[in-house]
Each structure stands twice: as C-alpha cells, then as structure tokens.
C-alpha atoms as a PDB file:
ATOM      1  CA  MET A   1     -22.963 210.012 194.002  1.00  0.00           C
ATOM      2  CA  TRP A   2     -22.177 212.782 191.988  1.00  0.00           C
ATOM      3  CA  LYS A   3     -24.497 211.172 188.868  1.00  0.00           C
ATOM      4  CA  SER A   4     -27.392 210.842 191.564  1.00  0.00           C
ATOM      5  CA  PHE A   5     -27.218 214.323 192.223  1.00  0.00           C
ATOM      6  CA  ALA A   6     -26.500 215.305 188.182  1.00  0.00           C
ATOM      7  CA  VAL A   7     -29.658 213.106 188.008  1.00  0.00           C
ATOM      8  CA  CYS A   8     -31.932 214.688 190.668  1.00  0.00           C
ATOM      9  CA  GLY A   9     -30.825 218.470 189.235  1.00  0.00           C
ATOM     10  CA  VAL A  10     -31.907 217.219 185.327  1.00  0.00           C
ATOM     11  CA  LEU A  11     -35.124 215.871 186.457  1.00  0.00           C
ATOM     12  CA  THR A  12     -36.024 219.049 188.363  1.00  0.00           C
ATOM     13  CA  LEU A  13     -35.294 221.436 186.060  1.00  0.00           C
ATOM     14  CA  VAL A  14     -37.140 219.465 183.528  1.00  0.00           C
ATOM     15  CA  SER A  15     -39.980 219.301 185.809  1.00  0.00           C
ATOM     16  CA  ALA A  16     -40.085 222.518 186.794  1.00  0.00           C
ATOM     17  CA  ALA A  17     -42.498 224.745 185.070  1.00  0.00           C
ATOM     18  CA  PRO A  18     -42.441 228.318 184.522  1.00  0.00           C
ATOM     19  CA  LEU A  19     -43.853 230.705 186.853  1.00  0.00           C
ATOM     20  CA  ALA A  20     -46.572 233.053 185.757  1.00  0.00           C
ATOM     21  CA  ALA A  21     -47.216 236.338 187.747  1.00  0.00           C
ATOM     22  CA  GLU A  22     -50.943 236.352 189.133  1.00  0.00           C
ATOM     23  CA  GLU A  23     -52.998 239.474 188.695  1.00  0.00           C
ATOM     24  CA  PHE A  24     -55.900 240.537 190.151  1.00  0.00           C
ATOM     25  CA  PRO A  25     -58.060 243.813 189.675  1.00  0.00           C
ATOM     26  CA  TRP A  26     -57.448 245.672 193.006  1.00  0.00           C
ATOM     27  CA  CYS A  27     -54.056 247.063 194.465  1.00  0.00           C
ATOM     28  CA  VAL A  28     -52.860 248.898 197.251  1.00  0.00           C
ATOM     29  CA  LYS A  29     -50.757 251.850 196.033  1.00  0.00           C
ATOM     30  CA  LEU A  30     -48.088 253.454 198.927  1.00  0.00           C
ATOM     31  CA  ASP A  31     -46.466 255.340 196.667  1.00  0.00           C
ATOM     32  CA  VAL A  32     -45.681 256.425 193.166  1.00  0.00           C
ATOM     33  CA  PHE A  33     -43.228 252.822 192.668  1.00  0.00           C
ATOM     34  CA  THR A  34     -44.969 250.540 195.059  1.00  0.00           C
ATOM     35  CA  ARG A  35     -48.226 248.726 194.816  1.00  0.00           C
ATOM     36  CA  ASN A  36     -49.230 245.356 195.907  1.00  0.00           C
ATOM     37  CA  CYS A  37     -52.051 243.783 193.547  1.00  0.00           C
ATOM     38  CA  ALA A  38     -52.951 240.975 195.206  1.00  0.00           C
ATOM     39  CA  PHE A  39     -56.475 241.865 196.093  1.00  0.00           C
ATOM     40  CA  SER A  40     -59.340 239.757 194.505  1.00  0.00           C
ATOM     41  CA  LYS A  41     -62.039 242.116 196.727  1.00  0.00           C
ATOM     42  CA  TYR A  42     -62.312 245.977 197.174  1.00  0.00           C
ATOM     43  CA  ASP A  43     -63.226 245.114 200.678  1.00  0.00           C
ATOM     44  CA  GLU A  44     -59.839 242.722 201.274  1.00  0.00           C
ATOM     45  CA  CYS A  45     -57.966 245.590 199.419  1.00  0.00           C
ATOM     46  CA  VAL A  46     -59.296 248.315 201.601  1.00  0.00           C
ATOM     47  CA  VAL A  47     -58.332 246.950 204.876  1.00  0.00           C
ATOM     48  CA  VAL A  48     -55.027 246.356 204.010  1.00  0.00           C
ATOM     49  CA  ALA A  49     -55.178 249.977 202.920  1.00  0.00           C
ATOM     50  CA  LYS A  50     -56.096 251.354 205.924  1.00  0.00           C
ATOM     51  CA  ASN A  51     -53.067 249.370 207.771  1.00  0.00           C
ATOM     52  CA  ALA A  52     -50.190 250.176 205.522  1.00  0.00           C
ATOM     53  CA  SER A  53     -48.245 253.449 205.251  1.00  0.00           C
ATOM     54  CA  SER A  54     -45.724 255.043 203.426  1.00  0.00           C
ATOM     55  CA  PRO A  55     -43.525 257.684 204.385  1.00  0.00           C
ATOM     56  CA  ALA A  56     -43.879 259.404 201.192  1.00  0.00           C
ATOM     57  CA  THR A  57     -47.994 259.556 200.930  1.00  0.00           C
ATOM     58  CA  GLY A  58     -48.858 258.849 204.551  1.00  0.00           C
ATOM     59  CA  VAL A  59     -51.724 256.420 204.060  1.00  0.00           C
ATOM     60  CA  GLY A  60     -52.419 253.422 201.374  1.00  0.00           C
ATOM     61  CA  GLN A  61     -54.722 253.824 198.836  1.00  0.00           C
ATOM     62  CA  CYS A  62     -56.970 251.108 196.735  1.00  0.00           C
ATOM     63  CA  ILE A  63     -56.957 251.686 192.648  1.00  0.00           C
ATOM     64  CA  ARG A  64     -58.022 249.348 190.161  1.00  0.00           C
ATOM     65  CA  ASN A  65     -55.233 247.620 188.265  1.00  0.00           C
ATOM     66  CA  PRO A  66     -54.175 248.877 185.349  1.00  0.00           C
ATOM     67  CA  ASN A  67     -52.640 245.447 184.440  1.00  0.00           C
ATOM     68  CA  TYR A  68     -55.766 243.283 185.026  1.00  0.00           C
ATOM     69  CA  GLN A  69     -57.145 241.613 182.336  1.00  0.00           C
ATOM     70  CA  PRO A  70     -60.439 239.229 183.465  1.00  0.00           C
ATOM     71  CA  PRO A  71     -60.231 235.434 182.567  1.00  0.00           C
ATOM     72  CA  ALA A  72     -61.348 234.938 178.689  1.00  0.00           C
ATOM     73  CA  ALA A  73     -65.176 234.365 177.886  1.00  0.00           C
ATOM     74  CA  ALA A  74     -64.222 230.839 176.491  1.00  0.00           C
ATOM     75  CA  ALA A  75     -63.009 229.720 180.245  1.00  0.00           C
ATOM     76  CA  ALA A  76     -66.731 231.549 181.622  1.00  0.00           C
ATOM     77  CA  ARG A  77     -68.493 229.224 179.240  1.00  0.00           C
ATOM     78  CA  PRO A  78     -71.014 226.763 181.215  1.00  0.00           C
ATOM     79  CA  LYS A  79     -69.933 223.241 180.693  1.00  0.00           C
ATOM     80  CA  PRO A  80     -72.651 220.972 178.532  1.00  0.00           C
ATOM     81  CA  ALA A  81     -74.948 218.670 180.435  1.00  0.00           C
ATOM     82  CA  PRO A  82     -73.507 215.227 180.274  1.00  0.00           C
ATOM     83  CA  ARG A  83     -75.003 212.688 177.758  1.00  0.00           C
ATOM     84  CA  LYS A  84     -77.811 210.716 178.704  1.00  0.00           C
ATOM     85  CA  THR A  85     -77.290 207.104 178.787  1.00  0.00           C
ATOM     86  CA  ALA A  86     -79.758 204.433 178.034  1.00  0.00           C
ATOM     87  CA  SER A  87     -80.335 202.167 181.109  1.00  0.00           C
ATOM     88  CA  PRO A  88     -81.145 198.563 180.702  1.00  0.00           C
ATOM     89  CA  GLN A  89     -84.039 197.046 180.887  1.00  0.00           C
ATOM     90  CA  PRO A  90     -84.833 194.503 183.665  1.00  0.00           C
END
C-alpha cells in the first residue's frame, strides 16, 4: 500500500508544471503595500476600486501595473494562410 502512495506522489511531482504569476496591465492600489494587479481592462479596475477601501488611504485607486510586459511581438503575428491542395479532377 505504501508503494502505491509513493508512486502517486512521484507521479504528481513529475507531472506538476511550475506555476507562473500572470501579470495584467491594471492594478487597484489601496496603500503603499497593497495592490491587486488582476485587471486586463481599466473599467474592471475602476469597479473594484470604487468598492475597495483601505484604513490608510480610504479609497482604492487604479494605476498602471509597473511590472506588466505586453506579450511578445512574435506571438501577435498573424498565422500564415493554409496551403491550397489540388483537388482531384473527376
């Protein structure tokens, strides 16, 4: 029984991919130490900032994420058109 637990544990560790933080362009800033950078659109950020409050500053505000880096230009290139194949003649 212990062998099956050990095998499951090893398989879980081997198959687990490292997690990466996902950065978005907009943050709700509450105070010097607290900000939530989980917003891709300014409008989403504003809605949350209006409802967020901090004892230090009182109101949340939207700021640009200083750590955000847009996707690489290579990923934004359009895909090439599919190759045309010759259709069989009847």
